[in-house]
Amino acid sequence: MIENYQFGSMTVRGRTYRSDLMIVQGRVIPDWRRRESHEVDVSDVTEILQAKPHTLVVGQGHPGRMQVLPSLRKRLEEAAIELIEEPTDRAVLTFNRLFSEGRDVAGAFHLTC
C-alpha cells in the first residue's frame, strides 16, 4: 500500500504526500496534525480509535523522536488495539506487511524528525 517513504515524503497508492498522515481502513487522511508536534495523544487519533483496528503502527519520524503518550497507551490497551512504534522507515515495512497479510491495521506516520 505504501510505495515509498523518504524524509518528508510518502507515496501511497501512487499519490505523494509531503505532510504527516494517517491511514485508516485503507484510506489516507492527509495533513495529520497533533496538539504537540512530537507527542501523540488520544485526541490526535480519534479516527483510528473510532475504527477500532487490531493494530496501530506509529511511524515516529526518521530518527524516532515522536512519542506516544501514556494516556493514549492506556486507551489503546483498553480497546485491545496493539501498538507498534518504530522510526518511520521501519514502520512503513511493518504496516505494509500487516496490510498485505489482510490484518486490520491503521497507521499514523510522522514524515520528518
PDB file of N, CA and C in Angstrom:
ATOM      1  N   MET A   1       0.818  -1.189   0.000  1.00  0.00           N
ATOM      2  CA  MET A   1       0.000   0.000   0.000  1.00  0.00           C
ATOM      3  C   MET A   1       0.872   1.268   0.000  1.00  0.00           C
ATOM      4  N   ILE A   2       1.837   1.316   0.929  1.00  0.00           N
ATOM      5  CA  ILE A   2       2.778   2.436   0.941  1.00  0.00           C
ATOM      6  C   ILE A   2       3.908   2.058  -0.012  1.00  0.00           C
ATOM      7  N   GLU A   3       4.077   2.851  -1.041  1.00  0.00           N
ATOM      8  CA  GLU A   3       5.049   2.524  -2.084  1.00  0.00           C
ATOM      9  C   GLU A   3       6.434   3.077  -1.808  1.00  0.00           C
ATOM     10  N   ASN A   4       6.495   4.208  -1.103  1.00  0.00           N
ATOM     11  CA  ASN A   4       7.801   4.806  -0.866  1.00  0.00           C
ATOM     12  C   ASN A   4       7.731   5.739   0.332  1.00  0.00           C
ATOM     13  N   TYR A   5       8.817   5.747   1.090  1.00  0.00           N
ATOM     14  CA  TYR A   5       8.994   6.736   2.146  1.00  0.00           C
ATOM     15  C   TYR A   5      10.425   7.233   2.097  1.00  0.00           C
ATOM     16  N   GLN A   6      10.564   8.528   2.171  1.00  0.00           N
ATOM     17  CA  GLN A   6      11.854   9.150   2.409  1.00  0.00           C
ATOM     18  C   GLN A   6      11.567  10.380   3.255  1.00  0.00           C
ATOM     19  N   PHE A   7      12.564  10.883   3.924  1.00  0.00           N
ATOM     20  CA  PHE A   7      12.386  12.002   4.832  1.00  0.00           C
ATOM     21  C   PHE A   7      11.524  13.088   4.190  1.00  0.00           C
ATOM     22  N   GLY A   8      10.359  13.364   4.801  1.00  0.00           N
ATOM     23  CA  GLY A   8       9.478  14.423   4.330  1.00  0.00           C
ATOM     24  C   GLY A   8       8.516  14.052   3.231  1.00  0.00           C
ATOM     25  N   SER A   9       8.482  12.786   2.824  1.00  0.00           N
ATOM     26  CA  SER A   9       7.644  12.399   1.688  1.00  0.00           C
ATOM     27  C   SER A   9       7.216  10.935   1.803  1.00  0.00           C
ATOM     28  N   MET A  10       5.947  10.664   1.486  1.00  0.00           N
ATOM     29  CA  MET A  10       5.448   9.291   1.465  1.00  0.00           C
ATOM     30  C   MET A  10       4.511   9.142   0.263  1.00  0.00           C
ATOM     31  N   THR A  11       4.685   8.051  -0.467  1.00  0.00           N
ATOM     32  CA  THR A  11       3.811   7.768  -1.603  1.00  0.00           C
ATOM     33  C   THR A  11       2.936   6.578  -1.251  1.00  0.00           C
ATOM     34  N   VAL A  12       1.612   6.797  -1.352  1.00  0.00           N
ATOM     35  CA  VAL A  12       0.622   5.777  -1.050  1.00  0.00           C
ATOM     36  C   VAL A  12      -0.293   5.654  -2.257  1.00  0.00           C
ATOM     37  N   ARG A  13      -0.336   4.446  -2.819  1.00  0.00           N
ATOM     38  CA  ARG A  13      -1.197   4.177  -3.980  1.00  0.00           C
ATOM     39  C   ARG A  13      -1.034   5.238  -5.073  1.00  0.00           C
ATOM     40  N   GLY A  14       0.219   5.560  -5.374  1.00  0.00           N
ATOM     41  CA  GLY A  14       0.514   6.454  -6.482  1.00  0.00           C
ATOM     42  C   GLY A  14       0.444   7.938  -6.181  1.00  0.00           C
ATOM     43  N   ARG A  15       0.015   8.303  -4.994  1.00  0.00           N
ATOM     44  CA  ARG A  15      -0.073   9.724  -4.631  1.00  0.00           C
ATOM     45  C   ARG A  15       0.979  10.055  -3.581  1.00  0.00           C
ATOM     46  N   THR A  16       1.701  11.136  -3.810  1.00  0.00           N
ATOM     47  CA  THR A  16       2.758  11.539  -2.893  1.00  0.00           C
ATOM     48  C   THR A  16       2.243  12.598  -1.925  1.00  0.00           C
ATOM     49  N   TYR A  17       2.549  12.383  -0.645  1.00  0.00           N
ATOM     50  CA  TYR A  17       2.164  13.298   0.435  1.00  0.00           C
ATOM     51  C   TYR A  17       3.435  13.871   1.040  1.00  0.00           C
ATOM     52  N   ARG A  18       3.374  15.150   1.409  1.00  0.00           N
ATOM     53  CA  ARG A  18       4.533  15.814   1.977  1.00  0.00           C
ATOM     54  C   ARG A  18       4.266  16.347   3.377  1.00  0.00           C
ATOM     55  N   SER A  19       3.241  15.814   4.011  1.00  0.00           N
ATOM     56  CA  SER A  19       2.971  16.148   5.404  1.00  0.00           C
ATOM     57  C   SER A  19       2.521  14.869   6.111  1.00  0.00           C
ATOM     58  N   ASP A  20       2.574  14.897   7.426  1.00  0.00           N
ATOM     59  CA  ASP A  20       2.206  13.718   8.216  1.00  0.00           C
ATOM     60  C   ASP A  20       0.815  13.239   7.818  1.00  0.00           C
ATOM     61  N   LEU A  21       0.606  11.945   7.976  1.00  0.00           N
ATOM     62  CA  LEU A  21      -0.672  11.373   7.563  1.00  0.00           C
ATOM     63  C   LEU A  21      -1.033  10.157   8.409  1.00  0.00           C
ATOM     64  N   MET A  22      -2.320   9.817   8.340  1.00  0.00           N
ATOM     65  CA  MET A  22      -2.818   8.590   8.944  1.00  0.00           C
ATOM     66  C   MET A  22      -3.423   7.736   7.828  1.00  0.00           C
ATOM     67  N   ILE A  23      -3.415   6.442   8.050  1.00  0.00           N
ATOM     68  CA  ILE A  23      -4.111   5.514   7.155  1.00  0.00           C
ATOM     69  C   ILE A  23      -5.065   4.711   8.028  1.00  0.00           C
ATOM     70  N   VAL A  24      -6.352   4.826   7.708  1.00  0.00           N
ATOM     71  CA  VAL A  24      -7.397   4.173   8.495  1.00  0.00           C
ATOM     72  C   VAL A  24      -8.315   3.427   7.534  1.00  0.00           C
ATOM     73  N   GLN A  25      -8.447   2.128   7.738  1.00  0.00           N
ATOM     74  CA  GLN A  25      -9.293   1.288   6.893  1.00  0.00           C
ATOM     75  C   GLN A  25      -8.960   1.468   5.415  1.00  0.00           C
ATOM     76  N   GLY A  26      -7.654   1.541   5.124  1.00  0.00           N
ATOM     77  CA  GLY A  26      -7.190   1.664   3.753  1.00  0.00           C
ATOM     78  C   GLY A  26      -7.316   3.050   3.152  1.00  0.00           C
ATOM     79  N   ARG A  27      -7.773   4.018   3.933  1.00  0.00           N
ATOM     80  CA  ARG A  27      -7.998   5.383   3.455  1.00  0.00           C
ATOM     81  C   ARG A  27      -6.948   6.311   4.061  1.00  0.00           C
ATOM     82  N   VAL A  28      -6.356   7.143   3.219  1.00  0.00           N
ATOM     83  CA  VAL A  28      -5.357   8.101   3.683  1.00  0.00           C
ATOM     84  C   VAL A  28      -6.062   9.349   4.216  1.00  0.00           C
ATOM     85  N   ILE A  29      -5.648   9.769   5.406  1.00  0.00           N
ATOM     86  CA  ILE A  29      -6.098  11.034   5.983  1.00  0.00           C
ATOM     87  C   ILE A  29      -4.860  11.934   6.001  1.00  0.00           C
ATOM     88  N   PRO A  30      -4.784  12.870   5.026  1.00  0.00           N
ATOM     89  CA  PRO A  30      -3.577  13.696   4.908  1.00  0.00           C
ATOM     90  C   PRO A  30      -3.549  14.833   5.927  1.00  0.00           C
ATOM     91  N   ASP A  31      -2.409  15.491   5.988  1.00  0.00           N
ATOM     92  CA  ASP A  31      -2.219  16.678   6.837  1.00  0.00           C
ATOM     93  C   ASP A  31      -2.555  16.413   8.298  1.00  0.00           C
ATOM     94  N   TRP A  32      -2.094  15.281   8.792  1.00  0.00           N
ATOM     95  CA  TRP A  32      -2.339  14.906  10.190  1.00  0.00           C
ATOM     96  C   TRP A  32      -1.598  15.863  11.110  1.00  0.00           C
ATOM     97  N   ARG A  33      -2.340  16.498  11.988  1.00  0.00           N
ATOM     98  CA  ARG A  33      -1.770  17.432  12.959  1.00  0.00           C
ATOM     99  C   ARG A  33      -2.005  16.917  14.373  1.00  0.00           C
ATOM    100  N   ARG A  34      -1.064  17.216  15.231  1.00  0.00           N
ATOM    101  CA  ARG A  34      -1.175  16.852  16.638  1.00  0.00           C
ATOM    102  C   ARG A  34      -1.125  18.116  17.474  1.00  0.00           C
ATOM    103  N   ARG A  35      -1.697  18.049  18.662  1.00  0.00           N
ATOM    104  CA  ARG A  35      -1.665  19.192  19.566  1.00  0.00           C
ATOM    105  C   ARG A  35      -0.210  19.583  19.864  1.00  0.00           C
ATOM    106  N   GLU A  36       0.619  18.597  20.114  1.00  0.00           N
ATOM    107  CA  GLU A  36       2.061  18.792  20.309  1.00  0.00           C
ATOM    108  C   GLU A  36       2.768  18.016  19.204  1.00  0.00           C
ATOM    109  N   SER A  37       3.656  18.660  18.488  1.00  0.00           N
ATOM    110  CA  SER A  37       4.193  18.069  17.262  1.00  0.00           C
ATOM    111  C   SER A  37       4.900  16.728  17.439  1.00  0.00           C
ATOM    112  N   HIS A  38       5.557  16.502  18.559  1.00  0.00           N
ATOM    113  CA  HIS A  38       6.293  15.253  18.735  1.00  0.00           C
ATOM    114  C   HIS A  38       5.698  14.359  19.805  1.00  0.00           C
ATOM    115  N   GLU A  39       4.404  14.529  20.066  1.00  0.00           N
ATOM    116  CA  GLU A  39       3.675  13.678  21.012  1.00  0.00           C
ATOM    117  C   GLU A  39       2.349  13.283  20.378  1.00  0.00           C
ATOM    118  N   VAL A  40       1.937  12.054  20.628  1.00  0.00           N
ATOM    119  CA  VAL A  40       0.656  11.574  20.112  1.00  0.00           C
ATOM    120  C   VAL A  40      -0.216  11.249  21.305  1.00  0.00           C
ATOM    121  N   ASP A  41      -1.392  11.865  21.364  1.00  0.00           N
ATOM    122  CA  ASP A  41      -2.325  11.656  22.459  1.00  0.00           C
ATOM    123  C   ASP A  41      -3.662  11.175  21.891  1.00  0.00           C
ATOM    124  N   VAL A  42      -4.573  10.882  22.763  1.00  0.00           N
ATOM    125  CA  VAL A  42      -5.882  10.339  22.387  1.00  0.00           C
ATOM    126  C   VAL A  42      -6.575  11.222  21.358  1.00  0.00           C
ATOM    127  N   SER A  43      -6.610  12.525  21.595  1.00  0.00           N
ATOM    128  CA  SER A  43      -7.328  13.438  20.702  1.00  0.00           C
ATOM    129  C   SER A  43      -6.690  13.539  19.316  1.00  0.00           C
ATOM    130  N   ASP A  44      -5.473  13.095  19.173  1.00  0.00           N
ATOM    131  CA  ASP A  44      -4.776  13.159  17.889  1.00  0.00           C
ATOM    132  C   ASP A  44      -5.137  12.016  16.945  1.00  0.00           C
ATOM    133  N   VAL A  45      -5.740  10.971  17.467  1.00  0.00           N
ATOM    134  CA  VAL A  45      -6.025   9.783  16.647  1.00  0.00           C
ATOM    135  C   VAL A  45      -7.478   9.324  16.798  1.00  0.00           C
ATOM    136  N   THR A  46      -8.405  10.255  16.893  1.00  0.00           N
ATOM    137  CA  THR A  46      -9.813   9.885  17.108  1.00  0.00           C
ATOM    138  C   THR A  46     -10.352   8.997  15.988  1.00  0.00           C
ATOM    139  N   GLU A  47      -9.955   9.277  14.732  1.00  0.00           N
ATOM    140  CA  GLU A  47     -10.439   8.457  13.614  1.00  0.00           C
ATOM    141  C   GLU A  47      -9.991   7.010  13.765  1.00  0.00           C
ATOM    142  N   ILE A  48      -8.778   6.827  14.237  1.00  0.00           N
ATOM    143  CA  ILE A  48      -8.252   5.474  14.423  1.00  0.00           C
ATOM    144  C   ILE A  48      -8.983   4.782  15.565  1.00  0.00           C
ATOM    145  N   LEU A  49      -9.180   5.465  16.664  1.00  0.00           N
ATOM    146  CA  LEU A  49      -9.878   4.865  17.805  1.00  0.00           C
ATOM    147  C   LEU A  49     -11.309   4.490  17.437  1.00  0.00           C
ATOM    148  N   GLN A  50     -11.966   5.322  16.643  1.00  0.00           N
ATOM    149  CA  GLN A  50     -13.331   5.021  16.214  1.00  0.00           C
ATOM    150  C   GLN A  50     -13.378   3.796  15.304  1.00  0.00           C
ATOM    151  N   ALA A  51     -12.351   3.610  14.490  1.00  0.00           N
ATOM    152  CA  ALA A  51     -12.304   2.472  13.565  1.00  0.00           C
ATOM    153  C   ALA A  51     -11.995   1.159  14.278  1.00  0.00           C
ATOM    154  N   LYS A  52     -11.358   1.213  15.448  1.00  0.00           N
ATOM    155  CA  LYS A  52     -11.021   0.045  16.256  1.00  0.00           C
ATOM    156  C   LYS A  52     -10.241  -1.027  15.477  1.00  0.00           C
ATOM    157  N   PRO A  53      -9.094  -0.655  14.907  1.00  0.00           N
ATOM    158  CA  PRO A  53      -8.292  -1.663  14.206  1.00  0.00           C
ATOM    159  C   PRO A  53      -7.671  -2.634  15.196  1.00  0.00           C
ATOM    160  N   HIS A  54      -7.173  -3.727  14.691  1.00  0.00           N
ATOM    161  CA  HIS A  54      -6.455  -4.685  15.534  1.00  0.00           C
ATOM    162  C   HIS A  54      -5.120  -4.108  15.973  1.00  0.00           C
ATOM    163  N   THR A  55      -4.460  -3.387  15.041  1.00  0.00           N
ATOM    164  CA  THR A  55      -3.112  -2.879  15.290  1.00  0.00           C
ATOM    165  C   THR A  55      -2.995  -1.435  14.825  1.00  0.00           C
ATOM    166  N   LEU A  56      -2.278  -0.632  15.599  1.00  0.00           N
ATOM    167  CA  LEU A  56      -1.901   0.714  15.202  1.00  0.00           C
ATOM    168  C   LEU A  56      -0.383   0.757  15.093  1.00  0.00           C
ATOM    169  N   VAL A  57       0.102   1.110  13.910  1.00  0.00           N
ATOM    170  CA  VAL A  57       1.534   1.283  13.683  1.00  0.00           C
ATOM    171  C   VAL A  57       1.804   2.784  13.672  1.00  0.00           C
ATOM    172  N   VAL A  58       2.682   3.221  14.553  1.00  0.00           N
ATOM    173  CA  VAL A  58       3.054   4.627  14.630  1.00  0.00           C
ATOM    174  C   VAL A  58       4.469   4.792  14.087  1.00  0.00           C
ATOM    175  N   GLY A  59       4.587   5.591  13.032  1.00  0.00           N
ATOM    176  CA  GLY A  59       5.885   5.950  12.489  1.00  0.00           C
ATOM    177  C   GLY A  59       6.365   7.197  13.204  1.00  0.00           C
ATOM    178  N   GLN A  60       7.425   7.058  13.981  1.00  0.00           N
ATOM    179  CA  GLN A  60       7.872   8.111  14.896  1.00  0.00           C
ATOM    180  C   GLN A  60       8.752   9.170  14.244  1.00  0.00           C
ATOM    181  N   GLY A  61       8.846   9.177  12.940  1.00  0.00           N
ATOM    182  CA  GLY A  61       9.744  10.092  12.253  1.00  0.00           C
ATOM    183  C   GLY A  61      11.044   9.386  11.919  1.00  0.00           C
ATOM    184  N   HIS A  62      11.851  10.041  11.109  1.00  0.00           N
ATOM    185  CA  HIS A  62      13.094   9.414  10.653  1.00  0.00           C
ATOM    186  C   HIS A  62      13.989   8.969  11.814  1.00  0.00           C
ATOM    187  N   PRO A  63      14.264   9.842  12.789  1.00  0.00           N
ATOM    188  CA  PRO A  63      15.106   9.387  13.906  1.00  0.00           C
ATOM    189  C   PRO A  63      14.316   8.825  15.084  1.00  0.00           C
ATOM    190  N   GLY A  64      12.982   8.824  14.978  1.00  0.00           N
ATOM    191  CA  GLY A  64      12.173   8.247  16.059  1.00  0.00           C
ATOM    192  C   GLY A  64      11.902   9.187  17.216  1.00  0.00           C
ATOM    193  N   ARG A  65      11.754  10.478  16.967  1.00  0.00           N
ATOM    194  CA  ARG A  65      11.552  11.459  18.042  1.00  0.00           C
ATOM    195  C   ARG A  65      10.116  11.519  18.556  1.00  0.00           C
ATOM    196  N   MET A  66       9.124  11.249  17.717  1.00  0.00           N
ATOM    197  CA  MET A  66       7.727  11.374  18.141  1.00  0.00           C
ATOM    198  C   MET A  66       7.368  10.226  19.084  1.00  0.00           C
ATOM    199  N   GLN A  67       6.694  10.554  20.184  1.00  0.00           N
ATOM    200  CA  GLN A  67       6.375   9.566  21.205  1.00  0.00           C
ATOM    201  C   GLN A  67       4.872   9.480  21.468  1.00  0.00           C
ATOM    202  N   VAL A  68       4.409   8.286  21.771  1.00  0.00           N
ATOM    203  CA  VAL A  68       3.021   8.058  22.178  1.00  0.00           C
ATOM    204  C   VAL A  68       2.940   8.322  23.679  1.00  0.00           C
ATOM    205  N   LEU A  69       1.982   9.160  24.068  1.00  0.00           N
ATOM    206  CA  LEU A  69       1.823   9.498  25.484  1.00  0.00           C
ATOM    207  C   LEU A  69       1.151   8.357  26.257  1.00  0.00           C
ATOM    208  N   PRO A  70       1.412   8.271  27.562  1.00  0.00           N
ATOM    209  CA  PRO A  70       0.814   7.212  28.389  1.00  0.00           C
ATOM    210  C   PRO A  70      -0.713   7.171  28.318  1.00  0.00           C
ATOM    211  N   SER A  71      -1.365   8.322  28.196  1.00  0.00           N
ATOM    212  CA  SER A  71      -2.832   8.342  28.113  1.00  0.00           C
ATOM    213  C   SER A  71      -3.328   7.594  26.874  1.00  0.00           C
ATOM    214  N   LEU A  72      -2.635   7.737  25.763  1.00  0.00           N
ATOM    215  CA  LEU A  72      -3.024   7.006  24.552  1.00  0.00           C
ATOM    216  C   LEU A  72      -2.683   5.530  24.692  1.00  0.00           C
ATOM    217  N   ARG A  73      -1.549   5.217  25.273  1.00  0.00           N
ATOM    218  CA  ARG A  73      -1.205   3.806  25.508  1.00  0.00           C
ATOM    219  C   ARG A  73      -2.318   3.112  26.301  1.00  0.00           C
ATOM    220  N   LYS A  74      -2.783   3.796  27.339  1.00  0.00           N
ATOM    221  CA  LYS A  74      -3.843   3.228  28.181  1.00  0.00           C
ATOM    222  C   LYS A  74      -5.127   3.028  27.375  1.00  0.00           C
ATOM    223  N   ARG A  75      -5.513   4.018  26.572  1.00  0.00           N
ATOM    224  CA  ARG A  75      -6.743   3.918  25.779  1.00  0.00           C
ATOM    225  C   ARG A  75      -6.643   2.791  24.764  1.00  0.00           C
ATOM    226  N   LEU A  76      -5.487   2.648  24.134  1.00  0.00           N
ATOM    227  CA  LEU A  76      -5.290   1.555  23.174  1.00  0.00           C
ATOM    228  C   LEU A  76      -5.376   0.203  23.872  1.00  0.00           C
ATOM    229  N   GLU A  77      -4.776   0.098  25.046  1.00  0.00           N
ATOM    230  CA  GLU A  77      -4.838  -1.147  25.814  1.00  0.00           C
ATOM    231  C   GLU A  77      -6.280  -1.483  26.188  1.00  0.00           C
ATOM    232  N   GLU A  78      -7.024  -0.485  26.635  1.00  0.00           N
ATOM    233  CA  GLU A  78      -8.433  -0.703  26.999  1.00  0.00           C
ATOM    234  C   GLU A  78      -9.263  -1.157  25.805  1.00  0.00           C
ATOM    235  N   ALA A  79      -8.912  -0.656  24.618  1.00  0.00           N
ATOM    236  CA  ALA A  79      -9.643  -1.020  23.398  1.00  0.00           C
ATOM    237  C   ALA A  79      -9.083  -2.276  22.737  1.00  0.00           C
ATOM    238  N   ALA A  80      -8.079  -2.890  23.349  1.00  0.00           N
ATOM    239  CA  ALA A  80      -7.427  -4.090  22.809  1.00  0.00           C
ATOM    240  C   ALA A  80      -6.844  -3.847  21.422  1.00  0.00           C
ATOM    241  N   ILE A  81      -6.257  -2.652  21.233  1.00  0.00           N
ATOM    242  CA  ILE A  81      -5.572  -2.314  19.990  1.00  0.00           C
ATOM    243  C   ILE A  81      -4.070  -2.430  20.242  1.00  0.00           C
ATOM    244  N   GLU A  82      -3.425  -3.306  19.495  1.00  0.00           N
ATOM    245  CA  GLU A  82      -1.979  -3.489  19.621  1.00  0.00           C
ATOM    246  C   GLU A  82      -1.268  -2.245  19.100  1.00  0.00           C
ATOM    247  N   LEU A  83      -0.247  -1.795  19.804  1.00  0.00           N
ATOM    248  CA  LEU A  83       0.536  -0.635  19.411  1.00  0.00           C
ATOM    249  C   LEU A  83       1.942  -1.070  19.003  1.00  0.00           C
ATOM    250  N   ILE A  84       2.354  -0.611  17.821  1.00  0.00           N
ATOM    251  CA  ILE A  84       3.722  -0.822  17.357  1.00  0.00           C
ATOM    252  C   ILE A  84       4.284   0.561  17.044  1.00  0.00           C
ATOM    253  N   GLU A  85       5.388   0.908  17.693  1.00  0.00           N
ATOM    254  CA  GLU A  85       6.053   2.201  17.474  1.00  0.00           C
ATOM    255  C   GLU A  85       7.447   1.942  16.922  1.00  0.00           C
ATOM    256  N   GLU A  86       7.748   2.593  15.799  1.00  0.00           N
ATOM    257  CA  GLU A  86       9.052   2.426  15.175  1.00  0.00           C
ATOM    258  C   GLU A  86       9.406   3.701  14.416  1.00  0.00           C
ATOM    259  N   PRO A  87      10.695   3.944  14.177  1.00  0.00           N
ATOM    260  CA  PRO A  87      11.045   5.007  13.238  1.00  0.00           C
ATOM    261  C   PRO A  87      10.286   4.768  11.925  1.00  0.00           C
ATOM    262  N   THR A  88       9.935   5.831  11.241  1.00  0.00           N
ATOM    263  CA  THR A  88       9.010   5.711  10.116  1.00  0.00           C
ATOM    264  C   THR A  88       9.472   4.751   9.034  1.00  0.00           C
ATOM    265  N   ASP A  89      10.755   4.687   8.736  1.00  0.00           N
ATOM    266  CA  ASP A  89      11.183   3.758   7.680  1.00  0.00           C
ATOM    267  C   ASP A  89      10.848   2.313   8.037  1.00  0.00           C
ATOM    268  N   ARG A  90      11.041   1.925   9.276  1.00  0.00           N
ATOM    269  CA  ARG A  90      10.688   0.559   9.704  1.00  0.00           C
ATOM    270  C   ARG A  90       9.178   0.401   9.856  1.00  0.00           C
ATOM    271  N   ALA A  91       8.506   1.458  10.322  1.00  0.00           N
ATOM    272  CA  ALA A  91       7.053   1.400  10.491  1.00  0.00           C
ATOM    273  C   ALA A  91       6.342   1.165   9.157  1.00  0.00           C
ATOM    274  N   VAL A  92       6.872   1.740   8.097  1.00  0.00           N
ATOM    275  CA  VAL A  92       6.306   1.520   6.757  1.00  0.00           C
ATOM    276  C   VAL A  92       6.381   0.043   6.388  1.00  0.00           C
ATOM    277  N   LEU A  93       7.519  -0.577   6.626  1.00  0.00           N
ATOM    278  CA  LEU A  93       7.668  -2.004   6.327  1.00  0.00           C
ATOM    279  C   LEU A  93       6.699  -2.836   7.163  1.00  0.00           C
ATOM    280  N   THR A  94       6.579  -2.527   8.436  1.00  0.00           N
ATOM    281  CA  THR A  94       5.666  -3.253   9.319  1.00  0.00           C
ATOM    282  C   THR A  94       4.223  -3.074   8.864  1.00  0.00           C
ATOM    283  N   PHE A  95       3.828  -1.837   8.588  1.00  0.00           N
ATOM    284  CA  PHE A  95       2.465  -1.564   8.130  1.00  0.00           C
ATOM    285  C   PHE A  95       2.165  -2.338   6.852  1.00  0.00           C
ATOM    286  N   ASN A  96       3.056  -2.259   5.866  1.00  0.00           N
ATOM    287  CA  ASN A  96       2.830  -2.950   4.592  1.00  0.00           C
ATOM    288  C   ASN A  96       2.721  -4.461   4.779  1.00  0.00           C
ATOM    289  N   ARG A  97       3.558  -5.022   5.647  1.00  0.00           N
ATOM    290  CA  ARG A  97       3.492  -6.468   5.887  1.00  0.00           C
ATOM    291  C   ARG A  97       2.148  -6.851   6.485  1.00  0.00           C
ATOM    292  N   LEU A  98       1.721  -6.137   7.513  1.00  0.00           N
ATOM    293  CA  LEU A  98       0.442  -6.449   8.157  1.00  0.00           C
ATOM    294  C   LEU A  98      -0.723  -6.240   7.191  1.00  0.00           C
ATOM    295  N   PHE A  99      -0.682  -5.159   6.420  1.00  0.00           N
ATOM    296  CA  PHE A  99      -1.737  -4.876   5.452  1.00  0.00           C
ATOM    297  C   PHE A  99      -1.812  -5.979   4.402  1.00  0.00           C
ATOM    298  N   SER A 100      -0.658  -6.427   3.907  1.00  0.00           N
ATOM    299  CA  SER A 100      -0.633  -7.474   2.876  1.00  0.00           C
ATOM    300  C   SER A 100      -1.105  -8.819   3.420  1.00  0.00           C
ATOM    301  N   GLU A 101      -0.969  -9.009   4.733  1.00  0.00           N
ATOM    302  CA  GLU A 101      -1.476 -10.234   5.372  1.00  0.00           C
ATOM    303  C   GLU A 101      -2.978 -10.171   5.619  1.00  0.00           C
ATOM    304  N   GLY A 102      -3.591  -9.042   5.289  1.00  0.00           N
ATOM    305  CA  GLY A 102      -5.027  -8.895   5.483  1.00  0.00           C
ATOM    306  C   GLY A 102      -5.408  -8.486   6.897  1.00  0.00           C
ATOM    307  N   ARG A 103      -4.437  -8.059   7.676  1.00  0.00           N
ATOM    308  CA  ARG A 103      -4.720  -7.636   9.051  1.00  0.00           C
ATOM    309  C   ARG A 103      -5.411  -6.279   9.051  1.00  0.00           C
ATOM    310  N   ASP A 104      -6.217  -6.037  10.053  1.00  0.00           N
ATOM    311  CA  ASP A 104      -6.880  -4.753  10.239  1.00  0.00           C
ATOM    312  C   ASP A 104      -5.871  -3.840  10.933  1.00  0.00           C
ATOM    313  N   VAL A 105      -5.173  -3.047  10.124  1.00  0.00           N
ATOM    314  CA  VAL A 105      -4.084  -2.214  10.625  1.00  0.00           C
ATOM    315  C   VAL A 105      -4.320  -0.758  10.240  1.00  0.00           C
ATOM    316  N   ALA A 106      -4.041   0.127  11.181  1.00  0.00           N
ATOM    317  CA  ALA A 106      -4.069   1.563  10.924  1.00  0.00           C
ATOM    318  C   ALA A 106      -2.659   2.085  11.110  1.00  0.00           C
ATOM    319  N   GLY A 107      -2.383   3.226  10.502  1.00  0.00           N
ATOM    320  CA  GLY A 107      -1.075   3.816  10.623  1.00  0.00           C
ATOM    321  C   GLY A 107      -1.148   5.302  10.905  1.00  0.00           C
ATOM    322  N   ALA A 108      -0.199   5.786  11.663  1.00  0.00           N
ATOM    323  CA  ALA A 108      -0.052   7.220  11.927  1.00  0.00           C
ATOM    324  C   ALA A 108       1.430   7.531  11.731  1.00  0.00           C
ATOM    325  N   PHE A 109       1.729   8.344  10.716  1.00  0.00           N
ATOM    326  CA  PHE A 109       3.112   8.491  10.281  1.00  0.00           C
ATOM    327  C   PHE A 109       3.595   9.942  10.342  1.00  0.00           C
ATOM    328  N   HIS A 110       4.678  10.145  11.085  1.00  0.00           N
ATOM    329  CA  HIS A 110       5.392  11.420  11.116  1.00  0.00           C
ATOM    330  C   HIS A 110       6.484  11.292  10.067  1.00  0.00           C
ATOM    331  N   LEU A 111       6.524  12.208   9.109  1.00  0.00           N
ATOM    332  CA  LEU A 111       7.386  12.029   7.946  1.00  0.00           C
ATOM    333  C   LEU A 111       8.752  12.683   8.073  1.00  0.00           C
ATOM    334  N   THR A 112       8.935  13.527   9.079  1.00  0.00           N
ATOM    335  CA  THR A 112      10.223  14.202   9.200  1.00  0.00           C
ATOM    336  C   THR A 112      10.904  13.755  10.496  1.00  0.00           C
ATOM    337  N   CYS A 113      11.276  14.711  11.323  1.00  0.00           N
ATOM    338  CA  CYS A 113      12.023  14.398  12.540  1.00  0.00           C
ATOM    339  C   CYS A 113      11.098  13.751  13.503  1.00  0.00           C
TER     340      CYS A 113
END
